[in-house]
């Protein structure tokens, strides 16, 4: 029973375990903040692009022109943002433009682990109508 009474190094082992847990929590928090910030920024880009697309459609009534304007605004706002497949659509009678955009968040760990990669790719859908004034 001597091995039960020997506590030498126990405090050091506990401290190392707690430091490892703290490091994991900090990395997860940084990744979550990066994903949240990317979502926020992507929402702004999507809203601006959809609004400009709706304005272009209101002037020309051409879907291709509206979607071209959406792409121009996206590239101006953030060149890393990509339009998803079928990501620009216009509702004909009302002129509502729906934009679906995606961007990879710059994370420390989430984009490098296969089962968390999908969380690092942020996809946002925004809809805007023509100006009412």
Protein backbone atom coordinates (compact mmCIF):
# COMPACT_ATOMS: atom_id res chain seq x y z
CA UNK A 1 0.00 0.00 0.00
CA UNK A 2 3.04 2.21 -0.16
CA UNK A 3 2.12 3.34 -3.72
CA UNK A 4 -1.10 4.88 -2.37
CA UNK A 5 0.79 7.01 0.14
CA UNK A 6 3.29 8.33 -2.43
CA UNK A 7 1.89 11.65 -3.75
CA UNK A 8 5.10 13.05 -5.15
CA UNK A 9 4.50 14.86 -8.45
CA UNK A 10 0.72 14.72 -8.17
CA UNK A 11 0.32 18.51 -8.06
CA UNK A 12 2.52 18.88 -11.14
CA UNK A 13 0.48 16.30 -13.06
CA UNK A 14 -2.79 18.01 -12.12
CA UNK A 15 -1.38 21.39 -13.18
CA UNK A 16 -0.32 19.99 -16.56
CA UNK A 17 -3.76 18.46 -17.15
CA UNK A 18 -5.47 21.76 -16.26
CA UNK A 19 -3.13 23.72 -18.55
CA UNK A 20 -3.91 21.34 -21.42
CA UNK A 21 -7.65 21.72 -20.82
CA UNK A 22 -7.26 25.51 -20.68
CA UNK A 23 -5.31 25.48 -23.96
CA UNK A 24 -8.06 23.43 -25.66
CA UNK A 25 -10.75 25.80 -24.41
CA UNK A 26 -8.78 28.85 -25.63
CA UNK A 27 -8.25 27.35 -29.10
CA UNK A 28 -11.96 26.49 -29.32
CA UNK A 29 -12.88 30.04 -28.25
CA UNK A 30 -10.58 31.61 -30.86
CA UNK A 31 -12.01 29.37 -33.58
CA UNK A 32 -15.59 30.14 -32.52
CA UNK A 33 -14.87 33.86 -32.53
CA UNK A 34 -13.32 33.63 -36.00
CA UNK A 35 -16.36 31.77 -37.33
CA UNK A 36 -18.73 34.28 -35.71
CA UNK A 37 -16.83 37.26 -37.13
CA UNK A 38 -16.76 35.67 -40.60
CA UNK A 39 -20.52 35.07 -40.40
CA UNK A 40 -21.11 38.70 -39.41
CA UNK A 41 -18.91 40.06 -42.20
CA UNK A 42 -20.39 37.65 -44.76
CA UNK A 43 -23.89 38.74 -43.81
CA UNK A 44 -22.93 42.37 -44.50
CA UNK A 45 -21.45 41.46 -47.88
CA UNK A 46 -24.52 39.38 -48.79
CA UNK A 47 -26.91 42.16 -47.80
CA UNK A 48 -25.00 44.77 -49.81
CA UNK A 49 -24.83 42.48 -52.85
CA UNK A 50 -28.53 41.57 -52.68
CA UNK A 51 -29.53 45.24 -52.33
CA UNK A 52 -27.43 46.26 -55.32
CA UNK A 53 -28.79 43.32 -57.33
CA UNK A 54 -32.36 44.34 -56.49
CA UNK A 55 -31.60 47.93 -57.52
CA UNK A 56 -30.11 46.74 -60.83
CA UNK A 57 -33.11 44.49 -61.48
CA UNK A 58 -35.49 47.35 -60.68
CA UNK A 59 -33.78 49.50 -63.33
CA UNK A 60 -33.27 46.96 -66.12
CA UNK A 61 -35.62 44.02 -65.34
CA UNK A 62 -32.79 41.73 -66.47
CA UNK A 63 -31.87 38.80 -64.20
CA UNK A 64 -28.40 38.40 -65.70
CA UNK A 65 -27.64 42.10 -65.15
CA UNK A 66 -28.80 41.85 -61.53
CA UNK A 67 -26.64 38.80 -60.84
CA UNK A 68 -23.64 40.40 -62.56
CA UNK A 69 -24.06 43.40 -60.26
CA UNK A 70 -24.22 41.03 -57.27
CA UNK A 71 -20.88 39.48 -58.25
CA UNK A 72 -19.29 42.91 -58.77
CA UNK A 73 -20.35 44.09 -55.31
CA UNK A 74 -19.14 40.86 -53.70
CA UNK A 75 -15.70 41.17 -55.30
CA UNK A 76 -15.46 44.81 -54.26
CA UNK A 77 -16.51 44.15 -50.65
CA UNK A 78 -14.43 41.00 -50.07
CA UNK A 79 -12.57 39.14 -52.85
CA UNK A 80 -12.53 35.89 -50.83
CA UNK A 81 -16.34 35.60 -50.84
CA UNK A 82 -17.78 33.14 -53.36
CA UNK A 83 -21.28 32.76 -54.73
CA UNK A 84 -22.62 29.25 -54.22
CA UNK A 85 -24.01 27.24 -57.12
CA UNK A 86 -27.36 28.82 -57.96
CA UNK A 87 -26.55 31.47 -55.36
CA UNK A 88 -28.22 34.38 -57.16
CA UNK A 89 -31.93 34.26 -57.82
CA UNK A 90 -34.51 36.91 -58.64
CA UNK A 91 -38.20 36.65 -57.86
CA UNK A 92 -39.80 38.08 -60.99
CA UNK A 93 -42.89 40.03 -59.99
CA UNK A 94 -41.59 41.46 -56.72
CA UNK A 95 -37.94 41.96 -57.69
CA UNK A 96 -36.60 40.25 -54.57
CA UNK A 97 -32.99 39.17 -55.03
CA UNK A 98 -31.71 36.26 -52.94
CA UNK A 99 -27.96 35.79 -52.64
CA UNK A 100 -26.27 32.74 -51.12
CA UNK A 101 -22.57 33.32 -50.42
CA UNK A 102 -19.83 31.34 -48.71
CA UNK A 103 -16.39 31.92 -47.27
CA UNK A 104 -13.88 29.85 -45.33
CA UNK A 105 -13.22 31.24 -41.86
CA UNK A 106 -9.57 31.48 -40.89
CA UNK A 107 -9.47 29.19 -37.88
CA UNK A 108 -6.60 27.68 -35.93
CA UNK A 109 -7.85 24.10 -35.83
CA UNK A 110 -11.40 23.73 -37.17
CA UNK A 111 -10.48 23.93 -40.87
CA UNK A 112 -7.69 21.36 -40.44
CA UNK A 113 -9.65 18.54 -38.82
CA UNK A 114 -11.86 16.55 -41.23
CA UNK A 115 -14.91 16.29 -38.95
CA UNK A 116 -14.92 20.03 -38.15
CA UNK A 117 -14.10 21.39 -41.64
CA UNK A 118 -17.77 22.01 -42.39
CA UNK A 119 -18.03 24.42 -39.44
CA UNK A 120 -15.18 26.54 -40.82
CA UNK A 121 -17.02 27.09 -44.12
CA UNK A 122 -19.63 29.76 -43.49
CA UNK A 123 -22.66 29.98 -45.79
CA UNK A 124 -25.10 32.91 -45.55
CA UNK A 125 -28.32 33.60 -47.46
CA UNK A 126 -29.56 37.18 -47.73
CA UNK A 127 -32.62 38.60 -49.53
CA UNK A 128 -33.33 42.19 -50.48
CA UNK A 129 -36.01 43.93 -52.47
CA UNK A 130 -35.97 46.99 -54.66
CA UNK A 131 -35.87 50.36 -52.90
CA UNK A 132 -39.31 51.65 -51.96
CA UNK A 133 -38.51 55.33 -52.51
